[in-house]
């Protein structure tokens, strides 16, 4: 049994607790090719009330490993390479 879990800290004041709070860390840092664990992590992220700030943190800080805000390492790498959509970067609303 793995006792490595994500910290169970109080949520940031004014923010709801993340859905991953207290979850097994290996869920969000799966072994290469472990697609069932990746799917499990993405399902947790999908219902998380702080998914977007988590995603933004990972992109802004160029997190290289793990699943953050519903984005895999590969997806973040692709987004970093191609940049934000033009509507986002120009500030226009579509």
PDB file of N, CA and C in Angstrom:
ATOM      1  N   UNK A   1       0.841  -1.179   0.000  1.00  0.00           N
ATOM      2  CA  UNK A   1       0.000   0.000   0.000  1.00  0.00           C
ATOM      3  C   UNK A   1       0.888   1.244   0.000  1.00  0.00           C
ATOM      4  N   UNK A   2       0.549   2.207  -0.821  1.00  0.00           N
ATOM      5  CA  UNK A   2       1.348   3.421  -0.964  1.00  0.00           C
ATOM      6  C   UNK A   2       0.835   4.483  -0.002  1.00  0.00           C
ATOM      7  N   UNK A   3       1.739   5.039   0.808  1.00  0.00           N
ATOM      8  CA  UNK A   3       1.321   6.072   1.749  1.00  0.00           C
ATOM      9  C   UNK A   3       1.693   7.462   1.250  1.00  0.00           C
ATOM     10  N   UNK A   4       2.156   7.562  -0.005  1.00  0.00           N
ATOM     11  CA  UNK A   4       2.478   8.865  -0.584  1.00  0.00           C
ATOM     12  C   UNK A   4       1.205   9.475  -1.143  1.00  0.00           C
ATOM     13  N   UNK A   5       0.680  10.439  -0.454  1.00  0.00           N
ATOM     14  CA  UNK A   5      -0.538  11.102  -0.903  1.00  0.00           C
ATOM     15  C   UNK A   5      -0.293  12.595  -1.025  1.00  0.00           C
ATOM     16  N   UNK A   6      -1.110  13.233  -1.828  1.00  0.00           N
ATOM     17  CA  UNK A   6      -1.016  14.676  -1.951  1.00  0.00           C
ATOM     18  C   UNK A   6      -1.424  15.301  -0.628  1.00  0.00           C
ATOM     19  N   UNK A   7      -0.831  16.412  -0.268  1.00  0.00           N
ATOM     20  CA  UNK A   7      -1.085  17.023   1.046  1.00  0.00           C
ATOM     21  C   UNK A   7      -2.557  17.352   1.269  1.00  0.00           C
ATOM     22  N   UNK A   8      -2.973  17.140   2.493  1.00  0.00           N
ATOM     23  CA  UNK A   8      -4.332  17.492   2.888  1.00  0.00           C
ATOM     24  C   UNK A   8      -4.216  18.791   3.670  1.00  0.00           C
ATOM     25  N   UNK A   9      -4.068  19.877   2.938  1.00  0.00           N
ATOM     26  CA  UNK A   9      -3.949  21.202   3.537  1.00  0.00           C
ATOM     27  C   UNK A   9      -5.261  21.938   3.355  1.00  0.00           C
ATOM     28  N   UNK A  10      -5.482  22.938   4.164  1.00  0.00           N
ATOM     29  CA  UNK A  10      -6.681  23.741   3.936  1.00  0.00           C
ATOM     30  C   UNK A  10      -6.595  24.404   2.567  1.00  0.00           C
ATOM     31  N   UNK A  11      -7.728  24.613   1.963  1.00  0.00           N
ATOM     32  CA  UNK A  11      -7.767  25.290   0.672  1.00  0.00           C
ATOM     33  C   UNK A  11      -7.293  26.731   0.853  1.00  0.00           C
ATOM     34  N   UNK A  12      -6.768  27.302  -0.226  1.00  0.00           N
ATOM     35  CA  UNK A  12      -6.381  28.705  -0.201  1.00  0.00           C
ATOM     36  C   UNK A  12      -7.630  29.508   0.142  1.00  0.00           C
ATOM     37  N   UNK A  13      -7.473  30.508   0.987  1.00  0.00           N
ATOM     38  CA  UNK A  13      -8.630  31.277   1.427  1.00  0.00           C
ATOM     39  C   UNK A  13      -9.432  31.766   0.222  1.00  0.00           C
ATOM     40  N   UNK A  14     -10.709  31.475   0.234  1.00  0.00           N
ATOM     41  CA  UNK A  14     -11.588  31.881  -0.847  1.00  0.00           C
ATOM     42  C   UNK A  14     -11.665  30.890  -1.995  1.00  0.00           C
ATOM     43  N   UNK A  15     -10.830  29.861  -1.981  1.00  0.00           N
ATOM     44  CA  UNK A  15     -10.844  28.847  -3.033  1.00  0.00           C
ATOM     45  C   UNK A  15     -11.407  27.551  -2.479  1.00  0.00           C
ATOM     46  N   UNK A  16     -12.129  26.809  -3.294  1.00  0.00           N
ATOM     47  CA  UNK A  16     -12.562  25.473  -2.854  1.00  0.00           C
ATOM     48  C   UNK A  16     -11.373  24.514  -2.834  1.00  0.00           C
ATOM     49  N   UNK A  17     -11.504  23.438  -2.104  1.00  0.00           N
ATOM     50  CA  UNK A  17     -10.437  22.430  -2.048  1.00  0.00           C
ATOM     51  C   UNK A  17     -10.329  21.727  -3.399  1.00  0.00           C
ATOM     52  N   UNK A  18      -9.113  21.398  -3.832  1.00  0.00           N
ATOM     53  CA  UNK A  18      -8.947  20.677  -5.096  1.00  0.00           C
ATOM     54  C   UNK A  18      -9.443  19.234  -4.968  1.00  0.00           C
ATOM     55  N   UNK A  19      -9.896  18.687  -6.076  1.00  0.00           N
ATOM     56  CA  UNK A  19     -10.406  17.314  -6.090  1.00  0.00           C
ATOM     57  C   UNK A  19      -9.309  16.295  -5.794  1.00  0.00           C
ATOM     58  N   UNK A  20      -8.050  16.644  -6.029  1.00  0.00           N
ATOM     59  CA  UNK A  20      -6.944  15.709  -5.808  1.00  0.00           C
ATOM     60  C   UNK A  20      -6.484  15.687  -4.352  1.00  0.00           C
ATOM     61  N   UNK A  21      -7.014  16.536  -3.547  1.00  0.00           N
ATOM     62  CA  UNK A  21      -6.601  16.640  -2.141  1.00  0.00           C
ATOM     63  C   UNK A  21      -6.670  15.275  -1.450  1.00  0.00           C
ATOM     64  N   UNK A  22      -5.533  14.828  -0.951  1.00  0.00           N
ATOM     65  CA  UNK A  22      -5.459  13.549  -0.253  1.00  0.00           C
ATOM     66  C   UNK A  22      -5.341  12.328  -1.160  1.00  0.00           C
ATOM     67  N   UNK A  23      -5.278  12.549  -2.481  1.00  0.00           N
ATOM     68  CA  UNK A  23      -5.185  11.425  -3.425  1.00  0.00           C
ATOM     69  C   UNK A  23      -3.753  10.877  -3.476  1.00  0.00           C
ATOM     70  N   UNK A  24      -3.625   9.660  -3.921  1.00  0.00           N
ATOM     71  CA  UNK A  24      -2.326   9.022  -4.109  1.00  0.00           C
ATOM     72  C   UNK A  24      -1.543   9.797  -5.163  1.00  0.00           C
ATOM     73  N   UNK A  25      -0.332  10.232  -4.829  1.00  0.00           N
ATOM     74  CA  UNK A  25       0.496  11.013  -5.754  1.00  0.00           C
ATOM     75  C   UNK A  25       0.780  10.269  -7.053  1.00  0.00           C
ATOM     76  N   UNK A  26       0.884   8.955  -6.984  1.00  0.00           N
ATOM     77  CA  UNK A  26       1.177   8.176  -8.188  1.00  0.00           C
ATOM     78  C   UNK A  26       0.087   8.306  -9.236  1.00  0.00           C
ATOM     79  N   UNK A  27      -1.122   8.688  -8.817  1.00  0.00           N
ATOM     80  CA  UNK A  27      -2.203   8.903  -9.770  1.00  0.00           C
ATOM     81  C   UNK A  27      -1.857  10.054 -10.705  1.00  0.00           C
ATOM     82  N   UNK A  28      -1.201  11.068 -10.192  1.00  0.00           N
ATOM     83  CA  UNK A  28      -0.892  12.257 -10.983  1.00  0.00           C
ATOM     84  C   UNK A  28       0.531  12.251 -11.540  1.00  0.00           C
ATOM     85  N   UNK A  29       1.297  11.252 -11.168  1.00  0.00           N
ATOM     86  CA  UNK A  29       2.649  11.051 -11.692  1.00  0.00           C
ATOM     87  C   UNK A  29       2.780   9.582 -12.089  1.00  0.00           C
ATOM     88  N   UNK A  30       1.967   9.147 -13.082  1.00  0.00           N
ATOM     89  CA  UNK A  30       1.935   7.730 -13.450  1.00  0.00           C
ATOM     90  C   UNK A  30       3.193   7.289 -14.190  1.00  0.00           C
ATOM     91  N   UNK A  31       3.417   5.995 -14.164  1.00  0.00           N
ATOM     92  CA  UNK A  31       4.530   5.406 -14.919  1.00  0.00           C
ATOM     93  C   UNK A  31       4.263   5.588 -16.413  1.00  0.00           C
ATOM     94  N   UNK A  32       5.312   5.725 -17.206  1.00  0.00           N
ATOM     95  CA  UNK A  32       5.128   5.854 -18.662  1.00  0.00           C
ATOM     96  C   UNK A  32       4.286   4.698 -19.208  1.00  0.00           C
ATOM     97  N   UNK A  33       3.305   5.050 -20.022  1.00  0.00           N
ATOM     98  CA  UNK A  33       2.450   4.043 -20.640  1.00  0.00           C
ATOM     99  C   UNK A  33       1.289   3.557 -19.792  1.00  0.00           C
ATOM    100  N   UNK A  34       1.164   4.027 -18.573  1.00  0.00           N
ATOM    101  CA  UNK A  34       0.084   3.589 -17.679  1.00  0.00           C
ATOM    102  C   UNK A  34      -1.179   4.404 -17.972  1.00  0.00           C
ATOM    103  N   UNK A  35      -1.847   4.052 -19.060  1.00  0.00           N
ATOM    104  CA  UNK A  35      -2.992   4.827 -19.525  1.00  0.00           C
ATOM    105  C   UNK A  35      -4.192   4.771 -18.581  1.00  0.00           C
ATOM    106  N   UNK A  36      -4.367   3.675 -17.868  1.00  0.00           N
ATOM    107  CA  UNK A  36      -5.506   3.602 -16.950  1.00  0.00           C
ATOM    108  C   UNK A  36      -5.337   4.597 -15.797  1.00  0.00           C
ATOM    109  N   UNK A  37      -4.120   4.776 -15.333  1.00  0.00           N
ATOM    110  CA  UNK A  37      -3.865   5.752 -14.269  1.00  0.00           C
ATOM    111  C   UNK A  37      -4.023   7.170 -14.807  1.00  0.00           C
ATOM    112  N   UNK A  38      -3.563   7.404 -16.027  1.00  0.00           N
ATOM    113  CA  UNK A  38      -3.744   8.728 -16.647  1.00  0.00           C
ATOM    114  C   UNK A  38      -5.235   9.038 -16.745  1.00  0.00           C
ATOM    115  N   UNK A  39      -6.032   8.089 -17.205  1.00  0.00           N
ATOM    116  CA  UNK A  39      -7.488   8.307 -17.304  1.00  0.00           C
ATOM    117  C   UNK A  39      -8.094   8.603 -15.940  1.00  0.00           C
ATOM    118  N   UNK A  40      -7.649   7.892 -14.916  1.00  0.00           N
ATOM    119  CA  UNK A  40      -8.157   8.125 -13.555  1.00  0.00           C
ATOM    120  C   UNK A  40      -7.824   9.553 -13.108  1.00  0.00           C
ATOM    121  N   UNK A  41      -6.604   9.990 -13.346  1.00  0.00           N
ATOM    122  CA  UNK A  41      -6.207  11.356 -12.970  1.00  0.00           C
ATOM    123  C   UNK A  41      -7.037  12.385 -13.730  1.00  0.00           C
ATOM    124  N   UNK A  42      -7.216  12.168 -15.020  1.00  0.00           N
ATOM    125  CA  UNK A  42      -7.984  13.116 -15.818  1.00  0.00           C
ATOM    126  C   UNK A  42      -9.441  13.192 -15.365  1.00  0.00           C
ATOM    127  N   UNK A  43     -10.000  12.068 -14.918  1.00  0.00           N
ATOM    128  CA  UNK A  43     -11.369  12.079 -14.397  1.00  0.00           C
ATOM    129  C   UNK A  43     -11.446  12.891 -13.105  1.00  0.00           C
ATOM    130  N   UNK A  44     -10.439  12.781 -12.257  1.00  0.00           N
ATOM    131  CA  UNK A  44     -10.406  13.574 -11.023  1.00  0.00           C
ATOM    132  C   UNK A  44     -10.304  15.052 -11.372  1.00  0.00           C
ATOM    133  N   UNK A  45      -9.404  15.386 -12.286  1.00  0.00           N
ATOM    134  CA  UNK A  45      -9.231  16.786 -12.699  1.00  0.00           C
ATOM    135  C   UNK A  45     -10.508  17.340 -13.327  1.00  0.00           C
ATOM    136  N   UNK A  46     -11.211  16.513 -14.058  1.00  0.00           N
ATOM    137  CA  UNK A  46     -12.408  16.961 -14.762  1.00  0.00           C
ATOM    138  C   UNK A  46     -13.480  17.493 -13.814  1.00  0.00           C
ATOM    139  N   UNK A  47     -13.519  16.976 -12.593  1.00  0.00           N
ATOM    140  CA  UNK A  47     -14.529  17.425 -11.630  1.00  0.00           C
ATOM    141  C   UNK A  47     -13.963  18.400 -10.592  1.00  0.00           C
ATOM    142  N   UNK A  48     -12.751  18.881 -10.830  1.00  0.00           N
ATOM    143  CA  UNK A  48     -12.080  19.727  -9.849  1.00  0.00           C
ATOM    144  C   UNK A  48     -12.488  21.194  -9.993  1.00  0.00           C
ATOM    145  N   UNK A  49     -12.845  21.836  -8.884  1.00  0.00           N
ATOM    146  CA  UNK A  49     -13.255  23.245  -8.947  1.00  0.00           C
ATOM    147  C   UNK A  49     -12.093  24.212  -9.168  1.00  0.00           C
ATOM    148  N   UNK A  50     -10.853  23.749  -9.038  1.00  0.00           N
ATOM    149  CA  UNK A  50      -9.705  24.639  -9.269  1.00  0.00           C
ATOM    150  C   UNK A  50      -8.839  24.155 -10.436  1.00  0.00           C
ATOM    151  N   UNK A  51      -9.455  23.432 -11.352  1.00  0.00           N
ATOM    152  CA  UNK A  51      -8.739  22.882 -12.507  1.00  0.00           C
ATOM    153  C   UNK A  51      -8.048  23.973 -13.331  1.00  0.00           C
ATOM    154  N   UNK A  52      -8.729  25.077 -13.587  1.00  0.00           N
ATOM    155  CA  UNK A  52      -8.157  26.123 -14.443  1.00  0.00           C
ATOM    156  C   UNK A  52      -6.965  26.813 -13.770  1.00  0.00           C
ATOM    157  N   UNK A  53      -7.057  27.229 -12.492  1.00  0.00           N
ATOM    158  CA  UNK A  53      -5.856  27.803 -11.865  1.00  0.00           C
ATOM    159  C   UNK A  53      -4.692  26.803 -11.781  1.00  0.00           C
ATOM    160  N   UNK A  54      -4.988  25.544 -11.568  1.00  0.00           N
ATOM    161  CA  UNK A  54      -3.954  24.504 -11.516  1.00  0.00           C
ATOM    162  C   UNK A  54      -3.281  24.382 -12.882  1.00  0.00           C
ATOM    163  N   UNK A  55      -4.089  24.364 -13.919  1.00  0.00           N
ATOM    164  CA  UNK A  55      -3.580  24.297 -15.296  1.00  0.00           C
ATOM    165  C   UNK A  55      -2.699  25.510 -15.590  1.00  0.00           C
ATOM    166  N   UNK A  56      -3.168  26.678 -15.225  1.00  0.00           N
ATOM    167  CA  UNK A  56      -2.421  27.914 -15.472  1.00  0.00           C
ATOM    168  C   UNK A  56      -1.080  27.878 -14.734  1.00  0.00           C
ATOM    169  N   UNK A  57      -1.099  27.409 -13.485  1.00  0.00           N
ATOM    170  CA  UNK A  57       0.135  27.288 -12.708  1.00  0.00           C
ATOM    171  C   UNK A  57       1.140  26.395 -13.441  1.00  0.00           C
ATOM    172  N   UNK A  58       0.668  25.241 -13.892  1.00  0.00           N
ATOM    173  CA  UNK A  58       1.564  24.292 -14.567  1.00  0.00           C
ATOM    174  C   UNK A  58       2.134  24.875 -15.852  1.00  0.00           C
ATOM    175  N   UNK A  59       1.314  25.578 -16.611  1.00  0.00           N
ATOM    176  CA  UNK A  59       1.791  26.179 -17.850  1.00  0.00           C
ATOM    177  C   UNK A  59       2.741  27.342 -17.575  1.00  0.00           C
ATOM    178  N   UNK A  60       2.382  28.196 -16.633  1.00  0.00           N
ATOM    179  CA  UNK A  60       3.218  29.356 -16.304  1.00  0.00           C
ATOM    180  C   UNK A  60       4.577  28.950 -15.750  1.00  0.00           C
ATOM    181  N   UNK A  61       4.608  27.849 -15.015  1.00  0.00           N
ATOM    182  CA  UNK A  61       5.840  27.395 -14.374  1.00  0.00           C
ATOM    183  C   UNK A  61       6.526  26.267 -15.135  1.00  0.00           C
ATOM    184  N   UNK A  62       6.010  25.971 -16.300  1.00  0.00           N
ATOM    185  CA  UNK A  62       6.576  24.932 -17.164  1.00  0.00           C
ATOM    186  C   UNK A  62       6.838  23.626 -16.417  1.00  0.00           C
ATOM    187  N   UNK A  63       5.817  23.187 -15.689  1.00  0.00           N
ATOM    188  CA  UNK A  63       5.915  21.904 -14.993  1.00  0.00           C
ATOM    189  C   UNK A  63       6.162  20.819 -16.027  1.00  0.00           C
ATOM    190  N   UNK A  64       7.215  20.069 -15.843  1.00  0.00           N
ATOM    191  CA  UNK A  64       7.596  19.059 -16.824  1.00  0.00           C
ATOM    192  C   UNK A  64       6.972  17.706 -16.560  1.00  0.00           C
ATOM    193  N   UNK A  65       6.613  17.435 -15.324  1.00  0.00           N
ATOM    194  CA  UNK A  65       6.175  16.093 -14.969  1.00  0.00           C
ATOM    195  C   UNK A  65       4.785  16.121 -14.362  1.00  0.00           C
ATOM    196  N   UNK A  66       4.066  15.033 -14.577  1.00  0.00           N
ATOM    197  CA  UNK A  66       2.781  14.852 -13.932  1.00  0.00           C
ATOM    198  C   UNK A  66       1.610  15.437 -14.693  1.00  0.00           C
ATOM    199  N   UNK A  67       0.446  15.207 -14.122  1.00  0.00           N
ATOM    200  CA  UNK A  67      -0.813  15.701 -14.673  1.00  0.00           C
ATOM    201  C   UNK A  67      -1.263  16.855 -13.793  1.00  0.00           C
ATOM    202  N   UNK A  68      -1.480  17.996 -14.416  1.00  0.00           N
ATOM    203  CA  UNK A  68      -1.852  19.226 -13.709  1.00  0.00           C
ATOM    204  C   UNK A  68      -3.058  19.835 -14.412  1.00  0.00           C
ATOM    205  N   UNK A  69      -4.107  20.101 -13.675  1.00  0.00           N
ATOM    206  CA  UNK A  69      -5.260  20.775 -14.256  1.00  0.00           C
ATOM    207  C   UNK A  69      -5.875  20.059 -15.435  1.00  0.00           C
ATOM    208  N   UNK A  70      -5.749  18.753 -15.467  1.00  0.00           N
ATOM    209  CA  UNK A  70      -6.312  17.968 -16.561  1.00  0.00           C
ATOM    210  C   UNK A  70      -5.449  17.942 -17.812  1.00  0.00           C
ATOM    211  N   UNK A  71      -4.199  18.380 -17.701  1.00  0.00           N
ATOM    212  CA  UNK A  71      -3.290  18.342 -18.842  1.00  0.00           C
ATOM    213  C   UNK A  71      -2.141  17.382 -18.552  1.00  0.00           C
ATOM    214  N   UNK A  72      -1.873  16.524 -19.510  1.00  0.00           N
ATOM    215  CA  UNK A  72      -0.737  15.610 -19.393  1.00  0.00           C
ATOM    216  C   UNK A  72       0.548  16.345 -19.748  1.00  0.00           C
ATOM    217  N   UNK A  73       1.670  15.707 -19.485  1.00  0.00           N
ATOM    218  CA  UNK A  73       2.979  16.273 -19.838  1.00  0.00           C
ATOM    219  C   UNK A  73       3.043  16.594 -21.326  1.00  0.00           C
ATOM    220  N   UNK A  74       2.550  15.670 -22.142  1.00  0.00           N
ATOM    221  CA  UNK A  74       2.602  15.845 -23.588  1.00  0.00           C
ATOM    222  C   UNK A  74       1.732  17.013 -24.035  1.00  0.00           C
ATOM    223  N   UNK A  75       0.563  17.141 -23.458  1.00  0.00           N
ATOM    224  CA  UNK A  75      -0.334  18.236 -23.834  1.00  0.00           C
ATOM    225  C   UNK A  75       0.262  19.579 -23.448  1.00  0.00           C
ATOM    226  N   UNK A  76       0.836  19.666 -22.246  1.00  0.00           N
ATOM    227  CA  UNK A  76       1.471  20.920 -21.830  1.00  0.00           C
ATOM    228  C   UNK A  76       2.648  21.272 -22.733  1.00  0.00           C
ATOM    229  N   UNK A  77       3.413  20.266 -23.106  1.00  0.00           N
ATOM    230  CA  UNK A  77       4.559  20.504 -23.988  1.00  0.00           C
ATOM    231  C   UNK A  77       4.085  21.050 -25.340  1.00  0.00           C
ATOM    232  N   UNK A  78       3.019  20.484 -25.872  1.00  0.00           N
ATOM    233  CA  UNK A  78       2.464  20.958 -27.138  1.00  0.00           C
ATOM    234  C   UNK A  78       1.953  22.384 -27.004  1.00  0.00           C
ATOM    235  N   UNK A  79       1.223  22.671 -25.941  1.00  0.00           N
ATOM    236  CA  UNK A  79       0.703  24.029 -25.732  1.00  0.00           C
ATOM    237  C   UNK A  79       1.838  25.040 -25.585  1.00  0.00           C
ATOM    238  N   UNK A  80       2.899  24.662 -24.897  1.00  0.00           N
ATOM    239  CA  UNK A  80       4.034  25.567 -24.729  1.00  0.00           C
ATOM    240  C   UNK A  80       4.706  25.839 -26.078  1.00  0.00           C
ATOM    241  N   UNK A  81       4.727  24.829 -26.928  1.00  0.00           N
ATOM    242  CA  UNK A  81       5.383  24.965 -28.231  1.00  0.00           C
ATOM    243  C   UNK A  81       4.562  25.829 -29.189  1.00  0.00           C
ATOM    244  N   UNK A  82       3.241  25.630 -29.209  1.00  0.00           N
ATOM    245  CA  UNK A  82       2.420  26.359 -30.190  1.00  0.00           C
ATOM    246  C   UNK A  82       1.896  27.670 -29.650  1.00  0.00           C
ATOM    247  N   UNK A  83       1.891  27.848 -28.335  1.00  0.00           N
ATOM    248  CA  UNK A  83       1.400  29.086 -27.753  1.00  0.00           C
ATOM    249  C   UNK A  83      -0.111  29.106 -27.647  1.00  0.00           C
ATOM    250  N   UNK A  84      -0.646  30.166 -27.008  1.00  0.00           N
ATOM    251  CA  UNK A  84      -2.093  30.251 -26.820  1.00  0.00           C
ATOM    252  C   UNK A  84      -2.800  30.567 -28.130  1.00  0.00           C
ATOM    253  N   UNK A  85      -4.103  30.247 -28.212  1.00  0.00           N
ATOM    254  CA  UNK A  85      -4.869  30.608 -29.414  1.00  0.00           C
ATOM    255  C   UNK A  85      -4.817  32.118 -29.606  1.00  0.00           C
ATOM    256  N   UNK A  86      -4.944  32.574 -30.835  1.00  0.00           N
ATOM    257  CA  UNK A  86      -4.814  34.005 -31.128  1.00  0.00           C
ATOM    258  C   UNK A  86      -5.826  34.838 -30.358  1.00  0.00           C
ATOM    259  N   UNK A  87      -7.024  34.351 -30.135  1.00  0.00           N
ATOM    260  CA  UNK A  87      -8.027  35.121 -29.392  1.00  0.00           C
ATOM    261  C   UNK A  87      -7.581  35.346 -27.947  1.00  0.00           C
ATOM    262  N   UNK A  88      -6.843  34.387 -27.389  1.00  0.00           N
ATOM    263  CA  UNK A  88      -6.369  34.523 -26.019  1.00  0.00           C
ATOM    264  C   UNK A  88      -5.187  35.491 -25.978  1.00  0.00           C
ATOM    265  N   UNK A  89      -4.240  35.340 -26.886  1.00  0.00           N
ATOM    266  CA  UNK A  89      -3.051  36.172 -26.847  1.00  0.00           C
ATOM    267  C   UNK A  89      -3.335  37.617 -27.220  1.00  0.00           C
ATOM    268  N   UNK A  90      -4.334  37.856 -28.055  1.00  0.00           N
ATOM    269  CA  UNK A  90      -4.633  39.229 -28.446  1.00  0.00           C
ATOM    270  C   UNK A  90      -5.615  39.901 -27.502  1.00  0.00           C
ATOM    271  N   UNK A  91      -6.236  39.095 -26.635  1.00  0.00           N
ATOM    272  CA  UNK A  91      -7.179  39.658 -25.673  1.00  0.00           C
ATOM    273  C   UNK A  91      -8.549  39.897 -26.264  1.00  0.00           C
ATOM    274  N   UNK A  92      -8.763  39.553 -27.533  1.00  0.00           N
ATOM    275  CA  UNK A  92     -10.078  39.779 -28.137  1.00  0.00           C
ATOM    276  C   UNK A  92     -11.036  38.673 -27.724  1.00  0.00           C
ATOM    277  N   UNK A  93     -12.297  38.994 -27.742  1.00  0.00           N
ATOM    278  CA  UNK A  93     -13.335  38.029 -27.382  1.00  0.00           C
ATOM    279  C   UNK A  93     -14.111  37.729 -28.653  1.00  0.00           C
ATOM    280  N   UNK A  94     -14.292  36.422 -28.874  1.00  0.00           N
ATOM    281  CA  UNK A  94     -14.781  35.970 -30.104  1.00  0.00           C
ATOM    282  C   UNK A  94     -16.158  35.927 -30.441  1.00  0.00           C
TER     283      UNK A  94
END
